[in-house]
Amino acid sequence: MKGEFIEEEPAGLVPGVKIKHLCKVFKVGNKTREAVRDLNVNMFEGQITVLLGHNGAGKTTTLSMLTGLFPPTSGCAFINGYDICQDMALVRRSLGLCPQHDVLFDNLTVEEHLLFYVQLKGYPHAKIGEEVDRTIRILNLEDKRSARSKTLSGGMKRKLSIGIALIGDSKVSH
């Protein structure tokens, strides 16, 4: 698709996320609300892609469909070749999500959070400890490894949330 406001896709890059004609309609009572209408976009490996738009533009709804929180009304999306409607268990193995607001368990430590989420992704059991150590080191949270999340500063909570999104070889992070 080309046009005055459409940028050509980069040559030679592999799309990690392909969205084709994605739509989401919510039904509230006897009214319907179209949250996402005919979205088509490719997001490429090694690139940063940003969804911009005003409140109510469908950004959060799109991410909710990509992560399996809501099924699409129509259309499809593929993450690393896996269909979000058919292969969500496989999608989640390579998908990381860092929500706008921290969603942490107050009484879990930094290490326990990372252990929990890396296991959810089905990471190889023999490599889990090494992956948790690597993530804590990258985040520079070594001295907070055993700290409960409720004791962390706001910035450290964000770091932990980012670590949760990236741990376990996430190929696509939102």
Foldseek 3Di string as FASTA:
>chain_A
DDDPPDDDDDPPFDFQKWWFQFWAWDQDPNDIDTQDGGDTDTHTFPDDDDDDDDPSNNPVVVVCCLQVVDPTPDTWMAGNRHTSVPPNLQSLLQFFEQDPDQDFDQAAFLLRLQLVLLVSSVAPPVCSVVQSVVLCVVLVNVVRRRPGLNPDDPVVSSSSSVSSRCTNNRRYYD
